[in-house]
Structure formats: C-alpha cells, structure tokens
C-alpha cells in the first residue's frame, strides 16, 4: 500500500478523503453520490479498506496498483489530508491514469443470479433479530437497500419466473418486517415503483436502475451508521446506552407482562396493527410507562424479536399523532436520553444476575452458560471490519472453552479465509459485517456452504449479538 500515491490519485479525481480517530481510525472517501468507508488501527489500514470497498475486483485492484506506481514515478506537489472540519477541494490537478472504482460488469448468469438471491434471502432472515433492535431509520434504510438489491436481479432477466418468484419472496419477508417493526414507509416495496420514483433525499441521488438504487441505499445506511457512531450512539443507533445500566433482574417476566398489556389494549403484535387496534389508544400515563419499560428492557438481553414487535406496536400508536401521547412519543425517539438511568426513571434500583465483561456488557449468566456449553471445543472465527482488542477479550472470556480466531474482512484476506473455511479449519463462522457488505457476505456464505459449517451473522459483532446468533444457530435454548 502506498498511501501518499493513493491519496494523490483520489484527490486528482475529485474524491474527498476524511479521517476520524477514536480507538481506531475511520476513513471516508466520497465524491458526488459515491461513499466508501474503511476502518483500521491506523490511517493507512483504514484507507486500504476503503479502497478495497471502492475497487472490489482483482482487475480493478490491478489497475489501482498500476496507477499508484505511476503516481510514485511522477509525484504531484504534496497536499494535506482533509479532516471533517475542512472539506478537500475537488477537481483534477493534472492528468493521471484512470482510476477504476467499479468492477467491469459481469455477463448475466442465471445460476449465479439465483444463488445470489438465495444468499440475500438468508442474509435478510438471519439479520431479523438484529434489525429489529435497530432504530427505525436504520430499519428503513436496510429494508430499502435489500429490496433494491433484490429487484436489481430482475433487470438482466425481466421475464425469468424463478428470478421474479425469488424477488417476490424477499419482498414478502421485508413487508412482514415493516408490519412487525413499523419503522415507517419503504416505497420501494410497492410493486408499481420504479428506481426513478425513489426519494432522492433518502438515497442521496438519482437512481436510473435498481442496481444503482441499491448502491445508494447501502451508502446512505453506512453514512447513518457513521453519523451515529460520531455522536457516541450504540451499535443499533440508540443514544441511551449509558442509561440501560443496571439492567432489569426479571427482564423476561417484565417483557412478558408488557407484551400482555399491549396486546390486551391493541391485539396480538403478530398481526398488522391497523387491522387490530382500530381507533383505540392506551391511557397517556400507561403509554409512557410502556415506553420507559421497553427502553430499559433493551439492555437486558430479552427476546429480540418479541421486544421488536412490542416496539413496533408502540411506534404505530406514536404515528397516530395523538397529542395526548406526546410525552411517551418523545421518549420513544432513539435520540432521547433520560437525565438519569432508566432504573431511576422507573423508581427501581437493583442489580441483575449477569456475567460482567468489558464494554459495559451485561450478559445473563444462564445464557452465557448455555452458549459456552454448546461451543466448548469448537473452532470459531470472528470476521469483521476491524480488530478490537477489548471486544476480543470479552468474547474470549464469554466463550471460554472454544478456540476463537479473529480475521479482518478485507478482500485479499477474505479469499484466504474462504479457503480455510472450505478446508475445514473452523466449525463456526461469526460474520460481523453489519446489515450490508453483500460481496463479503456472499463470499463467506459460499465458503461455509462448501465447507458444510454453520454461518452466523452477528450484526457488528458485539458480545450480545454473538450470543444471540450462536444460541439461535446451535439451538442452545
């Protein structure tokens, strides 16, 4: 990697490069409607990951290396790297070799298309619990990106019934997500929609094709995640992580009681809200208590799907814009943070039966014991965009008895990892790729299928999501 040459090429072609440092470094490469994000232990590593996202194929990487070598042979005058406060000026400085930012389009292949639709459907279904815990904005963007990605497969095969049926199946799943989680409207799910009809303010640009709409939606989701991370919000986009401690001791029972109250007032949360609740609404004080209980329960590791369905029903009531519910609606907003812990807001002070770890992890001891028992003696590999020593320590402690390896999801390293997976080196793969990273997900899914091993999608890889994914996959309940 030649960072100076890479930066010079990017600047010369009108790309802005921005870095942000926390306990690791993030690099954001943007130009017009394009956005690429990389993370690493230092600037060079973060830039390398961002370039790998922008140039995913071996051919584009070869052109990039060639262009950087020519840049080194005739270096331009040095210029400073931009930070978030000072955007980099755009425009070419001098002629340079073309920079390839997209892989050349592959010839349409029906079998490959059907395989990719199958993997996409598996990714969507495997991400359901983690998506349900996300904020409504992230839910909308993820659903939008997924349906656009699915519908992009119809463009080279407009009359193929197997492709049409595969996309329709994915659309039904995503529609069910919307009815359960109630994040707001996703217009791309409507059958009559075309890419040009999609809201530009949401995508950040015009989408002439479904493939382009998928790229823009994924970039919008990545930008939302980066923005929330910069504000100190948690992995799911909520602002109240610090207020979740201490978690509820009897969380499972409290969630069941909350579910019972909500369903008594508005019908089963397994059914579409509008068809069940009619004009009925809860008492304002009751609604506010439900909201506070729900938000506190989020930190206690309760059943994610049940929690998400209750949250969806409360969002449905909030969307009725009833002035009497205003206080509860305000506290339901992901950006709302109480001025003290939720336990104090609720007038309760107690500790829970938890396994204490770093990163504020509060992991119920029974769950830890169940998952630890099912993973003892197994070889696991955690795959994510960065190496986080603190998280690694938590997982090593939590999954004591298992052999845990750690790999960074960079294209060249993933190829080698795929060979290891197919060769039987691991028993389980934990993919911490977020809700997108479709090319990386496809590579790992293929390798796991060929190797005959379990592939577990664990959102961004926190200890909680790893335990949930392992319990779901291994049947450790």
Protein backbone atom coordinates (compact mmCIF):
# COMPACT_ATOMS: atom_id res chain seq x y z
CA UNK A 1 0.00 0.00 0.00
CA UNK A 2 1.32 3.45 -0.99
CA UNK A 3 -0.88 5.87 0.95
CA UNK A 4 0.57 9.08 -0.49
CA UNK A 5 0.08 7.86 -4.05
CA UNK A 6 -3.43 6.63 -3.25
CA UNK A 7 -4.40 9.96 -1.70
CA UNK A 8 -2.99 11.88 -4.65
CA UNK A 9 -4.99 9.78 -7.10
CA UNK A 10 -8.19 10.18 -5.11
CA UNK A 11 -7.78 13.94 -4.81
CA UNK A 12 -6.92 14.29 -8.50
CA UNK A 13 -10.14 12.53 -9.47
CA UNK A 14 -12.30 14.72 -7.27
CA UNK A 15 -12.62 12.43 -4.25
CA UNK A 16 -12.62 13.87 -0.74
CA UNK A 17 -10.79 11.77 1.86
CA UNK A 18 -11.64 12.27 5.51
CA UNK A 19 -10.32 10.56 8.61
CA UNK A 20 -11.71 10.28 12.10
CA UNK A 21 -9.88 8.74 15.05
CA UNK A 22 -11.38 7.07 18.12
CA UNK A 23 -9.75 3.93 19.47
CA UNK A 24 -9.37 3.03 15.79
CA UNK A 25 -9.36 5.10 12.59
CA UNK A 26 -12.20 5.52 10.11
CA UNK A 27 -11.64 6.71 6.56
CA UNK A 28 -14.47 8.14 4.43
CA UNK A 29 -13.90 8.52 0.67
CA UNK A 30 -16.65 10.48 -1.11
CA UNK A 31 -17.42 12.04 -4.45
CA UNK A 32 -20.87 13.19 -5.53
CA UNK A 33 -23.12 10.17 -4.91
CA UNK A 34 -20.32 7.74 -4.02
CA UNK A 35 -19.27 6.94 -0.45
CA UNK A 36 -16.78 4.33 0.73
CA UNK A 37 -15.87 3.62 4.35
CA UNK A 38 -12.83 1.84 5.78
CA UNK A 39 -11.75 1.14 9.34
CA UNK A 40 -8.40 0.06 10.71
CA UNK A 41 -5.86 0.52 13.52
CA UNK A 42 -4.21 3.44 11.67
CA UNK A 43 -4.82 5.75 8.71
CA UNK A 44 -3.02 3.59 6.17
CA UNK A 45 -5.03 0.50 7.11
CA UNK A 46 -8.33 2.42 7.10
CA UNK A 47 -7.56 3.91 3.68
CA UNK A 48 -6.66 0.46 2.34
CA UNK A 49 -10.03 -0.95 3.46
CA UNK A 50 -11.91 2.00 1.89
CA UNK A 51 -10.09 1.47 -1.40
CA UNK A 52 -10.88 -2.24 -1.28
CA UNK A 53 -14.56 -1.32 -0.96
CA UNK A 54 -14.30 1.07 -3.92
CA UNK A 55 -12.30 -1.36 -6.07
CA UNK A 56 -13.57 -4.84 -5.14
CA UNK A 57 -12.45 -6.93 -8.12
CA UNK A 58 -8.97 -8.27 -8.81
CA UNK A 59 -8.95 -6.36 -12.11
CA UNK A 60 -9.79 -3.01 -10.54
CA UNK A 61 -7.19 -3.62 -7.84
CA UNK A 62 -4.59 -4.29 -10.53
CA UNK A 63 -5.45 -1.02 -12.29
CA UNK A 64 -5.27 0.78 -8.96
CA UNK A 65 -1.81 -0.59 -8.16
CA UNK A 66 -0.59 0.32 -11.65
CA UNK A 67 -1.96 3.85 -11.29
CA UNK A 68 -0.30 4.25 -7.87
CA UNK A 69 3.05 3.07 -9.25
CA UNK A 70 2.84 5.69 -12.00
CA UNK A 71 1.89 8.26 -9.38
CA UNK A 72 5.01 7.40 -7.38
CA UNK A 73 7.13 7.78 -10.52
CA UNK A 74 5.80 11.32 -11.06
CA UNK A 75 4.50 12.56 -7.69
CA UNK A 76 2.40 15.74 -7.55
CA UNK A 77 3.05 18.51 -5.04
CA UNK A 78 2.02 17.37 -1.54
CA UNK A 79 -1.29 18.48 -0.18
CA UNK A 80 -2.79 17.98 3.30
CA UNK A 81 -5.33 15.28 4.07
CA UNK A 82 -8.74 16.70 4.83
CA UNK A 83 -10.42 16.37 8.17
CA UNK A 84 -14.13 16.58 8.89
CA UNK A 85 -13.97 20.31 9.56
CA UNK A 86 -12.19 21.22 6.26
CA UNK A 87 -13.60 19.53 3.14
CA UNK A 88 -10.99 18.80 0.50
CA UNK A 89 -11.21 20.95 -2.65
CA UNK A 90 -12.28 18.97 -5.68
CA UNK A 91 -11.12 18.93 -9.26
CA UNK A 92 -8.18 17.41 -11.15
CA UNK A 93 -4.73 18.86 -10.58
CA UNK A 94 -3.00 17.22 -13.56
CA UNK A 95 -3.67 14.31 -15.92
CA UNK A 96 -3.31 10.90 -14.28
CA UNK A 97 -4.12 7.36 -15.37
CA UNK A 98 -7.80 6.40 -14.99
CA UNK A 99 -8.83 5.20 -11.54
CA UNK A 100 -11.21 2.25 -11.74
CA UNK A 101 -13.83 2.49 -8.99
CA UNK A 102 -16.19 -0.26 -10.14
CA UNK A 103 -15.54 -3.76 -11.34
CA UNK A 104 -16.38 -4.30 -15.01
CA UNK A 105 -19.92 -5.68 -15.29
CA UNK A 106 -20.11 -9.43 -15.50
CA UNK A 107 -22.12 -11.11 -18.22
CA UNK A 108 -25.59 -12.06 -16.94
CA UNK A 109 -25.61 -15.55 -15.48
CA UNK A 110 -28.92 -17.01 -14.37
CA UNK A 111 -27.50 -19.61 -11.99
CA UNK A 112 -25.30 -17.03 -10.28
CA UNK A 113 -28.27 -14.67 -10.01
CA UNK A 114 -30.42 -17.35 -8.38
CA UNK A 115 -27.60 -18.18 -5.95
CA UNK A 116 -27.18 -14.52 -5.01
CA UNK A 117 -30.92 -14.18 -4.43
CA UNK A 118 -30.82 -17.23 -2.15
CA UNK A 119 -27.91 -15.82 -0.14
CA UNK A 120 -29.64 -12.42 0.07
CA UNK A 121 -32.78 -14.10 1.42
CA UNK A 122 -30.67 -15.96 4.01
CA UNK A 123 -28.92 -12.72 4.97
CA UNK A 124 -32.25 -10.96 5.46
CA UNK A 125 -33.74 -13.76 7.55
CA UNK A 126 -30.52 -14.13 9.57
CA UNK A 127 -30.49 -10.40 10.30
CA UNK A 128 -34.08 -10.19 11.54
CA UNK A 129 -33.34 -10.05 15.28
CA UNK A 130 -30.52 -7.54 14.94
CA UNK A 131 -32.55 -5.38 12.54
CA UNK A 132 -35.44 -5.34 15.00
CA UNK A 133 -33.18 -3.84 17.66
CA UNK A 134 -32.03 -1.04 15.34
CA UNK A 135 -33.56 2.41 15.20
CA UNK A 136 -36.42 2.97 12.73
CA UNK A 137 -34.18 4.99 10.41
CA UNK A 138 -31.72 2.13 10.06
CA UNK A 139 -34.55 -0.33 9.61
CA UNK A 140 -35.97 1.72 6.73
CA UNK A 141 -32.60 2.10 5.03
CA UNK A 142 -31.74 -1.59 5.42
CA UNK A 143 -35.10 -2.71 4.04
CA UNK A 144 -34.71 -0.23 1.17
CA UNK A 145 -31.20 -1.48 0.35
CA UNK A 146 -32.32 -5.12 0.46
CA UNK A 147 -35.36 -4.74 -1.80
CA UNK A 148 -33.36 -2.64 -4.27
CA UNK A 149 -30.63 -5.29 -4.31
CA UNK A 150 -33.26 -7.98 -4.92
CA UNK A 151 -35.03 -6.05 -7.69
CA UNK A 152 -31.69 -5.33 -9.38
CA UNK A 153 -31.58 -9.04 -10.25
CA UNK A 154 -34.69 -8.66 -12.40
CA UNK A 155 -33.01 -6.16 -14.74
CA UNK A 156 -30.92 -8.67 -16.71
CA UNK A 157 -33.70 -11.30 -16.55
CA UNK A 158 -37.00 -9.38 -16.80
CA UNK A 159 -39.08 -12.37 -17.87
CA UNK A 160 -37.47 -15.16 -15.83
CA UNK A 161 -40.10 -16.65 -13.45
CA UNK A 162 -37.54 -18.05 -10.98
CA UNK A 163 -35.97 -14.63 -10.52
CA UNK A 164 -39.39 -12.99 -10.26
CA UNK A 165 -40.51 -15.54 -7.66
CA UNK A 166 -37.29 -15.13 -5.66
CA UNK A 167 -37.70 -11.35 -5.55
CA UNK A 168 -41.38 -11.69 -4.61
CA UNK A 169 -40.46 -14.00 -1.72
CA UNK A 170 -37.92 -11.46 -0.43
CA UNK A 171 -40.47 -8.66 -0.81
CA UNK A 172 -42.97 -10.57 1.33
CA UNK A 173 -40.39 -11.09 4.08
CA UNK A 174 -39.46 -7.39 4.09
CA UNK A 175 -43.12 -6.38 4.08
CA UNK A 176 -43.63 -8.54 7.16
CA UNK A 177 -40.65 -6.79 8.77
CA UNK A 178 -42.32 -3.45 8.12
CA UNK A 179 -45.61 -4.60 9.63
CA UNK A 180 -43.87 -6.01 12.70
CA UNK A 181 -41.32 -3.26 13.41
CA UNK A 182 -43.31 -0.33 11.99
CA UNK A 183 -40.27 1.79 11.03
CA UNK A 184 -42.17 3.90 8.50
CA UNK A 185 -42.91 3.56 4.81
CA UNK A 186 -40.44 1.97 2.38
CA UNK A 187 -41.79 2.97 -1.02
CA UNK A 188 -39.56 0.56 -2.96
CA UNK A 189 -41.69 -2.33 -1.65
CA UNK A 190 -44.62 -1.09 -3.73
CA UNK A 191 -44.94 -3.16 -6.91
CA UNK A 192 -45.57 -0.20 -9.21
CA UNK A 193 -42.43 1.69 -8.12
CA UNK A 194 -39.52 2.25 -10.49
CA UNK A 195 -35.99 3.29 -9.46
CA UNK A 196 -36.61 6.80 -10.74
CA UNK A 197 -39.59 7.12 -8.36
CA UNK A 198 -37.48 6.57 -5.24
CA UNK A 199 -36.98 9.61 -2.97
CA UNK A 200 -33.71 11.33 -3.84
CA UNK A 201 -33.41 12.94 -0.42
CA UNK A 202 -33.27 9.46 1.12
CA UNK A 203 -30.89 7.94 -1.42
CA UNK A 204 -28.72 11.00 -1.82
CA UNK A 205 -29.00 10.96 -5.60
CA UNK A 206 -30.85 9.84 -8.72
CA UNK A 207 -31.15 6.11 -9.38
CA UNK A 208 -31.77 5.19 -13.04
CA UNK A 209 -31.56 1.46 -12.24
CA UNK A 210 -32.30 -0.81 -9.29
CA UNK A 211 -28.61 -1.69 -9.11
CA UNK A 212 -27.72 1.98 -8.67
CA UNK A 213 -30.53 2.39 -6.14
CA UNK A 214 -29.06 -0.50 -4.14
CA UNK A 215 -25.64 1.17 -4.10
CA UNK A 216 -27.09 4.50 -2.99
CA UNK A 217 -29.25 2.93 -0.27
CA UNK A 218 -26.29 1.00 1.10
CA UNK A 219 -24.18 4.17 1.12
CA UNK A 220 -27.00 6.02 2.92
CA UNK A 221 -27.11 3.31 5.58
CA UNK A 222 -23.33 3.44 6.01
CA UNK A 223 -23.48 7.22 6.33
CA UNK A 224 -26.19 6.94 9.01
CA UNK A 225 -24.09 4.45 10.97
CA UNK A 226 -21.03 6.71 10.75
CA UNK A 227 -23.06 9.73 11.87
CA UNK A 228 -24.47 7.85 14.86
CA UNK A 229 -21.07 6.48 15.80
CA UNK A 230 -19.70 10.01 15.72
CA UNK A 231 -22.39 11.07 18.19
CA UNK A 232 -21.50 8.25 20.57
CA UNK A 233 -24.67 6.25 19.93
CA UNK A 234 -24.58 2.47 20.34
CA UNK A 235 -24.27 -0.22 17.68
CA UNK A 236 -28.00 -0.09 16.93
CA UNK A 237 -28.22 3.71 16.71
CA UNK A 238 -29.76 4.44 20.14
CA UNK A 239 -28.49 7.28 22.32
CA UNK A 240 -29.33 5.88 25.77
CA UNK A 241 -26.79 3.07 26.18
CA UNK A 242 -25.38 4.55 29.39
CA UNK A 243 -28.88 4.73 30.91
CA UNK A 244 -29.51 0.98 30.46
CA UNK A 245 -27.38 0.03 33.47
CA UNK A 246 -28.30 -1.64 35.75
CA UNK A 247 -30.45 -3.97 33.62
CA UNK A 248 -33.67 -5.50 34.85
CA UNK A 249 -33.24 -8.57 37.02
CA UNK A 250 -36.57 -10.13 35.95
CA UNK A 251 -36.39 -8.92 32.36
CA UNK A 252 -38.05 -11.92 30.71
CA UNK A 253 -41.04 -11.73 33.03
CA UNK A 254 -41.30 -7.97 32.63
CA UNK A 255 -41.26 -8.23 28.85
CA UNK A 256 -44.00 -10.86 29.00
CA UNK A 257 -46.08 -8.62 31.26
CA UNK A 258 -45.55 -5.65 28.93
CA UNK A 259 -46.50 -7.77 25.93
CA UNK A 260 -49.68 -8.89 27.69
CA UNK A 261 -50.71 -5.31 28.47
CA UNK A 262 -50.01 -4.10 24.94
CA UNK A 263 -51.89 -6.97 23.33
CA UNK A 264 -54.83 -6.53 25.71
CA UNK A 265 -55.11 -2.93 24.55
CA UNK A 266 -54.37 -3.41 20.86
CA UNK A 267 -54.48 -7.06 19.85
CA UNK A 268 -51.71 -9.51 19.01
CA UNK A 269 -48.39 -7.99 17.98
CA UNK A 270 -48.12 -10.82 15.44
CA UNK A 271 -50.89 -9.18 13.42
CA UNK A 272 -50.92 -5.94 11.45
CA UNK A 273 -51.51 -3.12 13.92
CA UNK A 274 -54.01 -1.15 11.85
CA UNK A 275 -56.29 -4.13 11.49
CA UNK A 276 -56.32 -4.84 15.23
CA UNK A 277 -56.27 -1.62 17.19
CA UNK A 278 -58.84 0.46 15.31
CA UNK A 279 -59.29 3.83 17.00
CA UNK A 280 -58.39 2.55 20.47
CA UNK A 281 -55.39 4.03 22.21
CA UNK A 282 -53.81 3.47 25.62
CA UNK A 283 -54.04 5.89 28.50
CA UNK A 284 -51.23 8.51 28.15
CA UNK A 285 -49.65 7.59 31.50
CA UNK A 286 -49.79 3.90 30.65
CA UNK A 287 -48.27 4.54 27.24
CA UNK A 288 -45.36 6.47 28.76
CA UNK A 289 -44.75 3.66 31.28
CA UNK A 290 -44.73 1.13 28.43
CA UNK A 291 -42.19 3.21 26.51
CA UNK A 292 -39.88 3.54 29.52
CA UNK A 293 -40.11 -0.16 30.31
CA UNK A 294 -39.41 -1.07 26.70
CA UNK A 295 -36.34 1.13 26.52
CA UNK A 296 -34.94 -0.20 29.78
CA UNK A 297 -35.54 -3.79 28.66
CA UNK A 298 -33.36 -3.24 25.59
CA UNK A 299 -30.25 -3.51 27.76
CA UNK A 300 -31.29 -6.74 29.43
CA UNK A 301 -30.90 -9.12 26.51
CA UNK A 302 -34.53 -10.15 26.30
CA UNK A 303 -36.05 -12.00 23.33
CA UNK A 304 -35.09 -9.63 20.50
CA UNK A 305 -37.98 -10.50 18.18
CA UNK A 306 -40.61 -10.08 20.89
CA UNK A 307 -39.06 -6.80 22.03
CA UNK A 308 -39.03 -5.54 18.45
CA UNK A 309 -42.68 -6.40 17.89
CA UNK A 310 -43.71 -4.55 21.05
CA UNK A 311 -41.59 -1.58 19.91
CA UNK A 312 -43.32 -1.70 16.54
CA UNK A 313 -46.75 -1.57 18.13
CA UNK A 314 -45.76 1.42 20.28
CA UNK A 315 -44.40 3.14 17.16
CA UNK A 316 -47.72 2.53 15.45
CA UNK A 317 -49.54 4.31 18.26
CA UNK A 318 -46.92 7.09 18.18
CA UNK A 319 -47.55 7.52 14.46
CA UNK A 320 -51.22 8.32 15.09
CA UNK A 321 -50.01 11.78 16.20
CA UNK A 322 -52.31 11.87 19.23
CA UNK A 323 -51.35 14.95 21.31
CA UNK A 324 -52.29 13.09 24.50
CA UNK A 325 -49.43 10.62 23.92
CA UNK A 326 -46.81 13.32 23.27
CA UNK A 327 -44.66 12.61 26.35
CA UNK A 328 -44.39 8.91 25.58
CA UNK A 329 -43.79 9.59 21.88
CA UNK A 330 -40.91 11.93 22.73
CA UNK A 331 -39.29 9.30 24.97
CA UNK A 332 -39.68 6.66 22.26
CA UNK A 333 -37.43 8.63 19.91
CA UNK A 334 -33.97 6.94 19.59
CA UNK A 335 -32.24 10.28 20.23
CA UNK A 336 -33.98 10.75 23.58
CA UNK A 337 -31.71 10.17 26.58
CA UNK A 338 -33.02 10.43 30.16
CA UNK A 339 -31.11 12.58 32.62
CA UNK A 340 -30.52 9.53 34.82
CA UNK A 341 -30.59 5.75 34.49
CA UNK A 342 -33.83 4.15 33.34
CA UNK A 343 -33.89 2.26 36.64
CA UNK A 344 -34.15 5.60 38.46
CA UNK A 345 -36.69 6.93 35.99
CA UNK A 346 -38.79 3.86 36.78
CA UNK A 347 -38.12 4.21 40.52
CA UNK A 348 -36.30 0.86 40.79
CA UNK A 349 -32.76 0.19 41.98
CA UNK A 350 -31.32 -3.31 41.79
CA UNK A 351 -28.61 -5.44 40.23
CA UNK A 352 -29.18 -8.34 37.84
CA UNK A 353 -27.78 -11.85 37.55
CA UNK A 354 -25.21 -11.03 34.89
CA UNK A 355 -21.82 -12.01 33.60
CA UNK A 356 -19.80 -8.79 33.76
CA UNK A 357 -17.49 -8.00 30.88
CA UNK A 358 -15.78 -5.02 29.37
CA UNK A 359 -17.60 -2.64 27.02
CA UNK A 360 -20.43 -2.38 29.51
CA UNK A 361 -21.55 -5.90 28.61
CA UNK A 362 -24.24 -7.24 30.93
CA UNK A 363 -24.68 -10.82 29.83
CA UNK A 364 -27.11 -13.08 31.71
CA UNK A 365 -25.19 -15.90 33.32
CA UNK A 366 -27.68 -18.63 32.23
CA UNK A 367 -27.34 -17.56 28.60
CA UNK A 368 -23.55 -17.45 28.81
CA UNK A 369 -23.54 -20.93 30.34
CA UNK A 370 -25.79 -22.37 27.62
CA UNK A 371 -23.81 -20.95 24.73
CA UNK A 372 -20.48 -21.79 26.35
CA UNK A 373 -21.61 -25.40 26.74
CA UNK A 374 -22.59 -25.68 23.06
CA UNK A 375 -19.37 -24.08 21.77
CA UNK A 376 -16.90 -25.87 24.04
CA UNK A 377 -14.15 -27.47 21.99
CA UNK A 378 -15.28 -25.84 18.73
CA UNK A 379 -13.13 -23.72 16.45
CA UNK A 380 -14.72 -20.33 15.79
CA UNK A 381 -13.60 -17.45 13.61
CA UNK A 382 -14.94 -13.91 14.06
CA UNK A 383 -14.83 -11.84 10.85
CA UNK A 384 -15.28 -8.07 10.96
CA UNK A 385 -14.01 -4.78 9.52
CA UNK A 386 -11.55 -4.08 12.31
CA UNK A 387 -9.62 -5.70 15.12
CA UNK A 388 -10.91 -4.63 18.53
CA UNK A 389 -8.75 -5.98 21.39
CA UNK A 390 -11.33 -5.16 24.09
CA UNK A 391 -14.14 -6.95 22.30
CA UNK A 392 -11.83 -9.88 21.58
CA UNK A 393 -11.09 -10.15 25.29
CA UNK A 394 -14.81 -10.15 26.13
CA UNK A 395 -15.54 -12.88 23.61
CA UNK A 396 -12.59 -14.99 24.73
CA UNK A 397 -13.89 -14.80 28.30
CA UNK A 398 -17.52 -15.35 27.39
CA UNK A 399 -16.80 -18.28 25.06
CA UNK A 400 -14.20 -19.91 27.29
CA UNK A 401 -13.60 -23.46 26.13
CA UNK A 402 -13.84 -22.57 22.44
CA UNK A 403 -10.94 -21.72 20.14
CA UNK A 404 -11.60 -18.22 18.78
CA UNK A 405 -9.72 -16.75 15.83
CA UNK A 406 -10.04 -13.16 14.56
CA UNK A 407 -9.96 -12.07 10.90
CA UNK A 408 -10.36 -8.66 9.24
CA UNK A 409 -12.84 -8.54 6.35
CA UNK A 410 -10.54 -7.19 3.68
CA UNK A 411 -10.92 -8.68 0.18
CA UNK A 412 -7.45 -10.23 -0.09
CA UNK A 413 -7.66 -11.69 3.41
CA UNK A 414 -11.19 -12.97 2.84
CA UNK A 415 -10.06 -15.02 -0.12
CA UNK A 416 -7.56 -16.82 2.11
CA UNK A 417 -10.16 -17.18 4.86
CA UNK A 418 -12.61 -18.69 2.38
CA UNK A 419 -10.04 -21.36 1.52
CA UNK A 420 -9.52 -22.10 5.24
CA UNK A 421 -13.28 -22.40 5.78
CA UNK A 422 -13.74 -24.75 2.82
CA UNK A 423 -10.77 -26.76 4.04
CA UNK A 424 -12.41 -27.47 7.41
CA UNK A 425 -10.26 -25.28 9.63
CA UNK A 426 -13.29 -23.91 11.52
CA UNK A 427 -16.57 -25.22 12.91
CA UNK A 428 -18.40 -21.87 13.05
CA UNK A 429 -18.05 -18.53 11.29
CA UNK A 430 -19.30 -15.37 13.05
CA UNK A 431 -19.72 -12.63 10.44
CA UNK A 432 -19.75 -9.13 11.96
CA UNK A 433 -20.43 -7.33 8.68
CA UNK A 434 -23.34 -5.14 9.71
CA UNK A 435 -26.54 -5.25 7.69
CA UNK A 436 -24.89 -4.94 4.27
CA UNK A 437 -21.38 -5.83 2.94
CA UNK A 438 -23.10 -8.05 0.38
CA UNK A 439 -19.99 -9.15 -1.54
CA UNK A 440 -18.19 -10.20 1.64
CA UNK A 441 -21.31 -11.93 2.89
CA UNK A 442 -21.70 -13.79 -0.40
CA UNK A 443 -18.08 -14.99 -0.31
CA UNK A 444 -18.37 -16.27 3.28
CA UNK A 445 -21.78 -17.86 2.67
CA UNK A 446 -20.41 -19.75 -0.33
CA UNK A 447 -17.36 -20.94 1.60
CA UNK A 448 -19.46 -22.11 4.55
CA UNK A 449 -21.83 -23.96 2.26
CA UNK A 450 -18.95 -25.73 0.53
CA UNK A 451 -17.31 -26.48 3.89
CA UNK A 452 -20.57 -27.70 5.40
CA UNK A 453 -20.31 -25.48 8.50
CA UNK A 454 -22.61 -23.04 10.28
CA UNK A 455 -22.55 -19.42 9.16
CA UNK A 456 -23.77 -16.99 11.85
CA UNK A 457 -24.45 -13.34 11.03
CA UNK A 458 -23.88 -11.25 14.16
CA UNK A 459 -24.53 -7.66 13.04
CA UNK A 460 -21.50 -5.65 14.22
CA UNK A 461 -20.16 -8.42 16.44
CA UNK A 462 -20.80 -7.19 19.97
CA UNK A 463 -20.92 -9.87 22.66
CA UNK A 464 -24.72 -9.71 22.85
CA UNK A 465 -25.25 -10.23 19.13
CA UNK A 466 -22.73 -13.09 19.10
CA UNK A 467 -24.55 -14.88 21.92
CA UNK A 468 -27.93 -14.35 20.27
CA UNK A 469 -26.66 -15.64 16.95
CA UNK A 470 -24.95 -18.68 18.46
CA UNK A 471 -27.97 -19.59 20.55
CA UNK A 472 -30.25 -19.26 17.54
CA UNK A 473 -27.96 -21.33 15.31
CA UNK A 474 -26.92 -24.03 17.77
CA UNK A 475 -30.29 -24.39 19.44
CA UNK A 476 -28.81 -23.70 22.87
CA UNK A 477 -32.09 -22.62 24.44
